[in-house]
Each structure stands twice: as structure tokens, then as C-alpha cells.
Amino acid sequence: MGRAPEGSRPAIGAIAVYAPDARGLPGHVGYVAAISGSRVLLDDSDWRPTPWSPWRQVHEHWVAASAASGYIYGGPASGGPYLQER
């Protein structure tokens, strides 16, 4: 059956996907809560910005939109991404 639409441009409500890197860090995903210029506001969990940050909490943080390997958009594949900026 149909696949979810994917692309390289961020969209509010999309899932940002981060592939594993060459240093052995695992991949990661986050929910795109907002977009501002070339940055996205991610909501994610199990992300540790510092060694003393607690695990298993939802974090909200700004990152470069280009840092993601790609984005998965919601809705039907024929509908395309809903690109919004705030």
C-alpha cells in the first residue's frame, strides 16, 4: 500500500529523520513543531544535550533544518507536504 511522502524540506508536523553517523552514533527522529528561517524546532525524547540531562523526557530544541537526513510528511502521498513558516 501507499508510502508516506518524504522529502528534504521541513514542514510543521513532519518527522525529521537523522541517519546513523560515521562516529557510530545511532539514528534519531523528532517531530517538527515550528520552522524559523533555516532552523526547525524539534520535539523529541531520549536526546541528551548534556551529560546531566535526564533521559526519557521530551525536549524542545532548535536545530539546523539541513542537519536532518530527510523528512517524513503526514497525510496521503498525493497531498504533498504542508510547508508553513512561523
PDB file of N, CA and C in Angstrom:
ATOM      1  N   MET A   1       0.841  -1.175   0.000  1.00  0.00           N
ATOM      2  CA  MET A   1       0.000   0.000   0.000  1.00  0.00           C
ATOM      3  C   MET A   1       0.872   1.219   0.000  1.00  0.00           C
ATOM      4  N   GLY A   2       0.243   2.405   0.017  1.00  0.00           N
ATOM      5  CA  GLY A   2       0.959   3.660  -0.148  1.00  0.00           C
ATOM      6  C   GLY A   2       1.992   3.934   0.924  1.00  0.00           C
ATOM      7  N   ARG A   3       2.995   4.611   0.495  1.00  0.00           N
ATOM      8  CA  ARG A   3       4.049   5.044   1.413  1.00  0.00           C
ATOM      9  C   ARG A   3       3.747   6.458   1.866  1.00  0.00           C
ATOM     10  N   ALA A   4       4.316   6.840   2.976  1.00  0.00           N
ATOM     11  CA  ALA A   4       4.208   8.223   3.431  1.00  0.00           C
ATOM     12  C   ALA A   4       5.127   9.076   2.560  1.00  0.00           C
ATOM     13  N   PRO A   5       4.702  10.280   2.212  1.00  0.00           N
ATOM     14  CA  PRO A   5       5.557  11.135   1.401  1.00  0.00           C
ATOM     15  C   PRO A   5       6.811  11.547   2.170  1.00  0.00           C
ATOM     16  N   GLU A   6       7.919  11.647   1.450  1.00  0.00           N
ATOM     17  CA  GLU A   6       9.209  12.013   2.041  1.00  0.00           C
ATOM     18  C   GLU A   6       9.818  13.148   1.232  1.00  0.00           C
ATOM     19  N   GLY A   7      10.743  13.867   1.858  1.00  0.00           N
ATOM     20  CA  GLY A   7      11.428  14.927   1.139  1.00  0.00           C
ATOM     21  C   GLY A   7      12.543  15.528   1.955  1.00  0.00           C
ATOM     22  N   SER A   8      13.129  16.585   1.424  1.00  0.00           N
ATOM     23  CA  SER A   8      14.269  17.218   2.078  1.00  0.00           C
ATOM     24  C   SER A   8      13.915  18.568   2.691  1.00  0.00           C
ATOM     25  N   ARG A   9      12.683  19.043   2.502  1.00  0.00           N
ATOM     26  CA  ARG A   9      12.268  20.321   3.068  1.00  0.00           C
ATOM     27  C   ARG A   9      11.472  20.100   4.344  1.00  0.00           C
ATOM     28  N   PRO A  10      11.763  20.853   5.400  1.00  0.00           N
ATOM     29  CA  PRO A  10      10.998  20.685   6.640  1.00  0.00           C
ATOM     30  C   PRO A  10       9.574  21.180   6.476  1.00  0.00           C
ATOM     31  N   ALA A  11       8.675  20.610   7.259  1.00  0.00           N
ATOM     32  CA  ALA A  11       7.278  21.037   7.307  1.00  0.00           C
ATOM     33  C   ALA A  11       6.784  20.848   8.725  1.00  0.00           C
ATOM     34  N   ILE A  12       5.971  21.768   9.193  1.00  0.00           N
ATOM     35  CA  ILE A  12       5.404  21.630  10.533  1.00  0.00           C
ATOM     36  C   ILE A  12       4.565  20.361  10.567  1.00  0.00           C
ATOM     37  N   GLY A  13       4.783  19.548  11.574  1.00  0.00           N
ATOM     38  CA  GLY A  13       4.082  18.278  11.715  1.00  0.00           C
ATOM     39  C   GLY A  13       4.816  17.102  11.096  1.00  0.00           C
ATOM     40  N   ALA A  14       5.902  17.373  10.385  1.00  0.00           N
ATOM     41  CA  ALA A  14       6.682  16.295   9.780  1.00  0.00           C
ATOM     42  C   ALA A  14       7.564  15.626  10.829  1.00  0.00           C
ATOM     43  N   ILE A  15       8.075  14.474  10.480  1.00  0.00           N
ATOM     44  CA  ILE A  15       9.052  13.783  11.304  1.00  0.00           C
ATOM     45  C   ILE A  15      10.420  14.000  10.663  1.00  0.00           C
ATOM     46  N   ALA A  16      11.336  14.602  11.413  1.00  0.00           N
ATOM     47  CA  ALA A  16      12.714  14.782  10.942  1.00  0.00           C
ATOM     48  C   ALA A  16      13.467  13.488  11.216  1.00  0.00           C
ATOM     49  N   VAL A  17      14.198  13.012  10.231  1.00  0.00           N
ATOM     50  CA  VAL A  17      14.918  11.746  10.335  1.00  0.00           C
ATOM     51  C   VAL A  17      16.419  12.026  10.291  1.00  0.00           C
ATOM     52  N   TYR A  18      17.148  11.450  11.239  1.00  0.00           N
ATOM     53  CA  TYR A  18      18.604  11.594  11.306  1.00  0.00           C
ATOM     54  C   TYR A  18      19.216  10.204  11.200  1.00  0.00           C
ATOM     55  N   ALA A  19      19.978   9.974  10.155  1.00  0.00           N
ATOM     56  CA  ALA A  19      20.599   8.668   9.933  1.00  0.00           C
ATOM     57  C   ALA A  19      21.769   8.475  10.893  1.00  0.00           C
ATOM     58  N   PRO A  20      22.150   7.238  11.165  1.00  0.00           N
ATOM     59  CA  PRO A  20      23.357   6.997  11.976  1.00  0.00           C
ATOM     60  C   PRO A  20      24.557   7.675  11.319  1.00  0.00           C
ATOM     61  N   ASP A  21      25.504   8.119  12.127  1.00  0.00           N
ATOM     62  CA  ASP A  21      26.663   8.790  11.541  1.00  0.00           C
ATOM     63  C   ASP A  21      27.915   7.919  11.573  1.00  0.00           C
ATOM     64  N   ALA A  22      28.957   8.422  10.965  1.00  0.00           N
ATOM     65  CA  ALA A  22      30.211   7.660  10.833  1.00  0.00           C
ATOM     66  C   ALA A  22      30.894   7.426  12.173  1.00  0.00           C
ATOM     67  N   ARG A  23      30.565   8.225  13.182  1.00  0.00           N
ATOM     68  CA  ARG A  23      31.176   8.049  14.514  1.00  0.00           C
ATOM     69  C   ARG A  23      30.487   6.959  15.314  1.00  0.00           C
ATOM     70  N   GLY A  24      29.462   6.355  14.741  1.00  0.00           N
ATOM     71  CA  GLY A  24      28.767   5.279  15.437  1.00  0.00           C
ATOM     72  C   GLY A  24      27.561   5.730  16.231  1.00  0.00           C
ATOM     73  N   LEU A  25      27.208   7.031  16.151  1.00  0.00           N
ATOM     74  CA  LEU A  25      26.017   7.491  16.855  1.00  0.00           C
ATOM     75  C   LEU A  25      24.784   6.941  16.143  1.00  0.00           C
ATOM     76  N   PRO A  26      23.795   6.487  16.908  1.00  0.00           N
ATOM     77  CA  PRO A  26      22.605   5.907  16.284  1.00  0.00           C
ATOM     78  C   PRO A  26      21.764   6.979  15.592  1.00  0.00           C
ATOM     79  N   GLY A  27      20.861   6.546  14.748  1.00  0.00           N
ATOM     80  CA  GLY A  27      19.933   7.472  14.116  1.00  0.00           C
ATOM     81  C   GLY A  27      18.940   8.002  15.137  1.00  0.00           C
ATOM     82  N   HIS A  28      18.131   8.956  14.710  1.00  0.00           N
ATOM     83  CA  HIS A  28      17.193   9.593  15.628  1.00  0.00           C
ATOM     84  C   HIS A  28      16.049  10.183  14.818  1.00  0.00           C
ATOM     85  N   VAL A  29      14.928  10.429  15.445  1.00  0.00           N
ATOM     86  CA  VAL A  29      13.802  11.114  14.818  1.00  0.00           C
ATOM     87  C   VAL A  29      13.264  12.162  15.774  1.00  0.00           C
ATOM     88  N   GLY A  30      12.601  13.164  15.235  1.00  0.00           N
ATOM     89  CA  GLY A  30      11.977  14.205  16.047  1.00  0.00           C
ATOM     90  C   GLY A  30      10.796  14.804  15.297  1.00  0.00           C
ATOM     91  N   TYR A  31       9.869  15.368  16.028  1.00  0.00           N
ATOM     92  CA  TYR A  31       8.681  15.999  15.477  1.00  0.00           C
ATOM     93  C   TYR A  31       8.981  17.470  15.214  1.00  0.00           C
ATOM     94  N   VAL A  32       8.679  17.958  14.015  1.00  0.00           N
ATOM     95  CA  VAL A  32       8.915  19.363  13.674  1.00  0.00           C
ATOM     96  C   VAL A  32       7.748  20.191  14.211  1.00  0.00           C
ATOM     97  N   ALA A  33       8.012  20.975  15.264  1.00  0.00           N
ATOM     98  CA  ALA A  33       6.983  21.780  15.908  1.00  0.00           C
ATOM     99  C   ALA A  33       6.878  23.179  15.302  1.00  0.00           C
ATOM    100  N   ALA A  34       7.985  23.694  14.768  1.00  0.00           N
ATOM    101  CA  ALA A  34       7.986  25.043  14.186  1.00  0.00           C
ATOM    102  C   ALA A  34       9.166  25.165  13.234  1.00  0.00           C
ATOM    103  N   ILE A  35       9.087  26.158  12.379  1.00  0.00           N
ATOM    104  CA  ILE A  35      10.159  26.458  11.433  1.00  0.00           C
ATOM    105  C   ILE A  35      10.426  27.950  11.496  1.00  0.00           C
ATOM    106  N   SER A  36      11.700  28.316  11.546  1.00  0.00           N
ATOM    107  CA  SER A  36      12.088  29.720  11.522  1.00  0.00           C
ATOM    108  C   SER A  36      13.331  29.850  10.655  1.00  0.00           C
ATOM    109  N   GLY A  37      13.158  30.391   9.463  1.00  0.00           N
ATOM    110  CA  GLY A  37      14.279  30.516   8.545  1.00  0.00           C
ATOM    111  C   GLY A  37      14.832  29.153   8.193  1.00  0.00           C
ATOM    112  N   SER A  38      16.109  28.950   8.485  1.00  0.00           N
ATOM    113  CA  SER A  38      16.762  27.672   8.158  1.00  0.00           C
ATOM    114  C   SER A  38      16.830  26.734   9.357  1.00  0.00           C
ATOM    115  N   ARG A  39      16.051  27.034  10.410  1.00  0.00           N
ATOM    116  CA  ARG A  39      16.050  26.185  11.600  1.00  0.00           C
ATOM    117  C   ARG A  39      14.680  25.578  11.834  1.00  0.00           C
ATOM    118  N   VAL A  40      14.687  24.423  12.514  1.00  0.00           N
ATOM    119  CA  VAL A  40      13.439  23.784  12.912  1.00  0.00           C
ATOM    120  C   VAL A  40      13.450  23.586  14.422  1.00  0.00           C
ATOM    121  N   LEU A  41      12.266  23.697  15.020  1.00  0.00           N
ATOM    122  CA  LEU A  41      12.099  23.429  16.442  1.00  0.00           C
ATOM    123  C   LEU A  41      11.630  21.991  16.555  1.00  0.00           C
ATOM    124  N   LEU A  42      12.478  21.127  17.136  1.00  0.00           N
ATOM    125  CA  LEU A  42      12.165  19.702  17.279  1.00  0.00           C
ATOM    126  C   LEU A  42      11.643  19.390  18.665  1.00  0.00           C
ATOM    127  N   ASP A  43      10.654  18.530  18.704  1.00  0.00           N
ATOM    128  CA  ASP A  43      10.216  17.889  19.945  1.00  0.00           C
ATOM    129  C   ASP A  43      10.673  16.448  19.818  1.00  0.00           C
ATOM    130  N   ASP A  44      11.466  15.991  20.770  1.00  0.00           N
ATOM    131  CA  ASP A  44      11.919  14.606  20.732  1.00  0.00           C
ATOM    132  C   ASP A  44      12.227  14.144  22.146  1.00  0.00           C
ATOM    133  N   SER A  45      12.501  12.874  22.282  1.00  0.00           N
ATOM    134  CA  SER A  45      12.867  12.341  23.589  1.00  0.00           C
ATOM    135  C   SER A  45      14.098  11.458  23.439  1.00  0.00           C
ATOM    136  N   ASP A  46      14.665  11.095  24.552  1.00  0.00           N
ATOM    137  CA  ASP A  46      15.910  10.328  24.580  1.00  0.00           C
ATOM    138  C   ASP A  46      17.039  11.058  23.866  1.00  0.00           C
ATOM    139  N   TRP A  47      16.989  12.363  23.881  1.00  0.00           N
ATOM    140  CA  TRP A  47      18.053  13.201  23.326  1.00  0.00           C
ATOM    141  C   TRP A  47      18.717  13.866  24.511  1.00  0.00           C
ATOM    142  N   ARG A  48      20.008  13.770  24.588  1.00  0.00           N
ATOM    143  CA  ARG A  48      20.734  14.293  25.745  1.00  0.00           C
ATOM    144  C   ARG A  48      21.633  15.442  25.329  1.00  0.00           C
ATOM    145  N   PRO A  49      21.197  16.685  25.520  1.00  0.00           N
ATOM    146  CA  PRO A  49      22.036  17.813  25.142  1.00  0.00           C
ATOM    147  C   PRO A  49      23.274  17.939  26.024  1.00  0.00           C
ATOM    148  N   THR A  50      23.184  17.445  27.246  1.00  0.00           N
ATOM    149  CA  THR A  50      24.325  17.482  28.168  1.00  0.00           C
ATOM    150  C   THR A  50      24.364  16.178  28.952  1.00  0.00           C
ATOM    151  N   PRO A  51      25.504  15.814  29.505  1.00  0.00           N
ATOM    152  CA  PRO A  51      25.584  14.566  30.290  1.00  0.00           C
ATOM    153  C   PRO A  51      24.651  14.534  31.499  1.00  0.00           C
ATOM    154  N   TRP A  52      24.277  15.672  32.017  1.00  0.00           N
ATOM    155  CA  TRP A  52      23.427  15.708  33.215  1.00  0.00           C
ATOM    156  C   TRP A  52      21.939  15.847  32.876  1.00  0.00           C
ATOM    157  N   SER A  53      21.585  15.923  31.584  1.00  0.00           N
ATOM    158  CA  SER A  53      20.178  15.997  31.201  1.00  0.00           C
ATOM    159  C   SER A  53      19.507  14.644  31.445  1.00  0.00           C
ATOM    160  N   PRO A  54      18.282  14.666  31.949  1.00  0.00           N
ATOM    161  CA  PRO A  54      17.595  13.391  32.197  1.00  0.00           C
ATOM    162  C   PRO A  54      17.175  12.705  30.911  1.00  0.00           C
ATOM    163  N   TRP A  55      17.122  11.384  30.951  1.00  0.00           N
ATOM    164  CA  TRP A  55      16.626  10.581  29.842  1.00  0.00           C
ATOM    165  C   TRP A  55      15.113  10.550  29.877  1.00  0.00           C
ATOM    166  N   ARG A  56      14.535  10.140  28.785  1.00  0.00           N
ATOM    167  CA  ARG A  56      13.106   9.860  28.662  1.00  0.00           C
ATOM    168  C   ARG A  56      12.216  11.056  28.975  1.00  0.00           C
ATOM    169  N   GLN A  57      12.667  12.204  28.614  1.00  0.00           N
ATOM    170  CA  GLN A  57      11.831  13.389  28.695  1.00  0.00           C
ATOM    171  C   GLN A  57      11.764  13.997  27.312  1.00  0.00           C
ATOM    172  N   VAL A  58      10.654  14.639  27.016  1.00  0.00           N
ATOM    173  CA  VAL A  58      10.537  15.325  25.733  1.00  0.00           C
ATOM    174  C   VAL A  58      11.328  16.620  25.828  1.00  0.00           C
ATOM    175  N   HIS A  59      12.149  16.837  24.840  1.00  0.00           N
ATOM    176  CA  HIS A  59      12.954  18.047  24.766  1.00  0.00           C
ATOM    177  C   HIS A  59      12.494  18.852  23.566  1.00  0.00           C
ATOM    178  N   GLU A  60      12.596  20.146  23.672  1.00  0.00           N
ATOM    179  CA  GLU A  60      12.302  21.017  22.548  1.00  0.00           C
ATOM    180  C   GLU A  60      13.556  21.831  22.307  1.00  0.00           C
ATOM    181  N   HIS A  61      14.072  21.776  21.088  1.00  0.00           N
ATOM    182  CA  HIS A  61      15.311  22.500  20.792  1.00  0.00           C
ATOM    183  C   HIS A  61      15.373  22.859  19.322  1.00  0.00           C
ATOM    184  N   TRP A  62      16.052  23.962  19.032  1.00  0.00           N
ATOM    185  CA  TRP A  62      16.230  24.430  17.659  1.00  0.00           C
ATOM    186  C   TRP A  62      17.466  23.791  17.059  1.00  0.00           C
ATOM    187  N   VAL A  63      17.356  23.331  15.818  1.00  0.00           N
ATOM    188  CA  VAL A  63      18.482  22.758  15.086  1.00  0.00           C
ATOM    189  C   VAL A  63      18.405  23.222  13.637  1.00  0.00           C
ATOM    190  N   ALA A  64      19.520  23.121  12.940  1.00  0.00           N
ATOM    191  CA  ALA A  64      19.543  23.458  11.519  1.00  0.00           C
ATOM    192  C   ALA A  64      18.670  22.467  10.751  1.00  0.00           C
ATOM    193  N   ALA A  65      17.794  22.976   9.901  1.00  0.00           N
ATOM    194  CA  ALA A  65      16.916  22.111   9.111  1.00  0.00           C
ATOM    195  C   ALA A  65      17.724  21.184   8.211  1.00  0.00           C
ATOM    196  N   SER A  66      18.875  21.646   7.764  1.00  0.00           N
ATOM    197  CA  SER A  66      19.703  20.850   6.853  1.00  0.00           C
ATOM    198  C   SER A  66      20.419  19.696   7.548  1.00  0.00           C
ATOM    199  N   ALA A  67      20.402  19.667   8.878  1.00  0.00           N
ATOM    200  CA  ALA A  67      21.070  18.588   9.610  1.00  0.00           C
ATOM    201  C   ALA A  67      20.324  17.260   9.482  1.00  0.00           C
ATOM    202  N   ALA A  68      19.037  17.319   9.179  1.00  0.00           N
ATOM    203  CA  ALA A  68      18.248  16.090   9.036  1.00  0.00           C
ATOM    204  C   ALA A  68      18.606  15.382   7.738  1.00  0.00           C
ATOM    205  N   SER A  69      18.546  14.068   7.762  1.00  0.00           N
ATOM    206  CA  SER A  69      18.753  13.271   6.549  1.00  0.00           C
ATOM    207  C   SER A  69      17.567  13.422   5.609  1.00  0.00           C
ATOM    208  N   GLY A  70      16.402  13.731   6.171  1.00  0.00           N
ATOM    209  CA  GLY A  70      15.192  13.921   5.391  1.00  0.00           C
ATOM    210  C   GLY A  70      13.999  14.079   6.311  1.00  0.00           C
ATOM    211  N   TYR A  71      12.823  14.229   5.711  1.00  0.00           N
ATOM    212  CA  TYR A  71      11.596  14.439   6.470  1.00  0.00           C
ATOM    213  C   TYR A  71      10.514  13.502   5.950  1.00  0.00           C
ATOM    214  N   ILE A  72       9.667  13.040   6.861  1.00  0.00           N
ATOM    215  CA  ILE A  72       8.512  12.219   6.510  1.00  0.00           C
ATOM    216  C   ILE A  72       7.286  13.066   6.821  1.00  0.00           C
ATOM    217  N   TYR A  73       6.427  13.226   5.815  1.00  0.00           N
ATOM    218  CA  TYR A  73       5.256  14.076   5.953  1.00  0.00           C
ATOM    219  C   TYR A  73       4.015  13.236   6.208  1.00  0.00           C
ATOM    220  N   GLY A  74       3.053  13.795   6.910  1.00  0.00           N
ATOM    221  CA  GLY A  74       1.803  13.103   7.155  1.00  0.00           C
ATOM    222  C   GLY A  74       0.847  13.278   5.997  1.00  0.00           C
ATOM    223  N   GLY A  75      -0.258  12.586   6.052  1.00  0.00           N
ATOM    224  CA  GLY A  75      -1.275  12.727   5.023  1.00  0.00           C
ATOM    225  C   GLY A  75      -1.017  11.824   3.839  1.00  0.00           C
ATOM    226  N   PRO A  76      -1.921  11.857   2.890  1.00  0.00           N
ATOM    227  CA  PRO A  76      -1.781  10.999   1.722  1.00  0.00           C
ATOM    228  C   PRO A  76      -0.597  11.422   0.862  1.00  0.00           C
ATOM    229  N   ALA A  77       0.027  10.465   0.225  1.00  0.00           N
ATOM    230  CA  ALA A  77       1.202  10.745  -0.605  1.00  0.00           C
ATOM    231  C   ALA A  77       0.886  11.744  -1.706  1.00  0.00           C
ATOM    232  N   SER A  78      -0.336  11.772  -2.213  1.00  0.00           N
ATOM    233  CA  SER A  78      -0.681  12.693  -3.283  1.00  0.00           C
ATOM    234  C   SER A  78      -0.869  14.110  -2.777  1.00  0.00           C
ATOM    235  N   GLY A  79      -1.018  14.278  -1.438  1.00  0.00           N
ATOM    236  CA  GLY A  79      -1.256  15.606  -0.883  1.00  0.00           C
ATOM    237  C   GLY A  79      -0.017  16.447  -0.743  1.00  0.00           C
ATOM    238  N   GLY A  80       1.145  15.836  -0.693  1.00  0.00           N
ATOM    239  CA  GLY A  80       2.393  16.579  -0.565  1.00  0.00           C
ATOM    240  C   GLY A  80       2.565  17.176   0.807  1.00  0.00           C
ATOM    241  N   PRO A  81       3.737  17.749   1.073  1.00  0.00           N
ATOM    242  CA  PRO A  81       3.999  18.345   2.383  1.00  0.00           C
ATOM    243  C   PRO A  81       3.242  19.652   2.577  1.00  0.00           C
ATOM    244  N   TYR A  82       2.956  19.951   3.787  1.00  0.00           N
ATOM    245  CA  TYR A  82       2.307  21.203   4.141  1.00  0.00           C
ATOM    246  C   TYR A  82       3.384  22.140   4.673  1.00  0.00           C
ATOM    247  N   LEU A  83       3.931  22.946   3.819  1.00  0.00           N
ATOM    248  CA  LEU A  83       5.038  23.818   4.193  1.00  0.00           C
ATOM    249  C   LEU A  83       4.487  25.087   4.817  1.00  0.00           C
ATOM    250  N   GLN A  84       4.875  25.352   6.056  1.00  0.00           N
ATOM    251  CA  GLN A  84       4.445  26.536   6.768  1.00  0.00           C
ATOM    252  C   GLN A  84       5.638  27.107   7.506  1.00  0.00           C
ATOM    253  N   GLU A  85       5.586  28.375   7.748  1.00  0.00           N
ATOM    254  CA  GLU A  85       6.644  29.017   8.498  1.00  0.00           C
ATOM    255  C   GLU A  85       6.008  29.936   9.511  1.00  0.00           C
ATOM    256  N   ARG A  86       6.633  30.018  10.710  1.00  0.00           N
ATOM    257  CA  ARG A  86       6.145  30.984  11.691  1.00  0.00           C
ATOM    258  C   ARG A  86       7.309  31.632  12.364  1.00  0.00           C
TER     259      ARG A  86
END
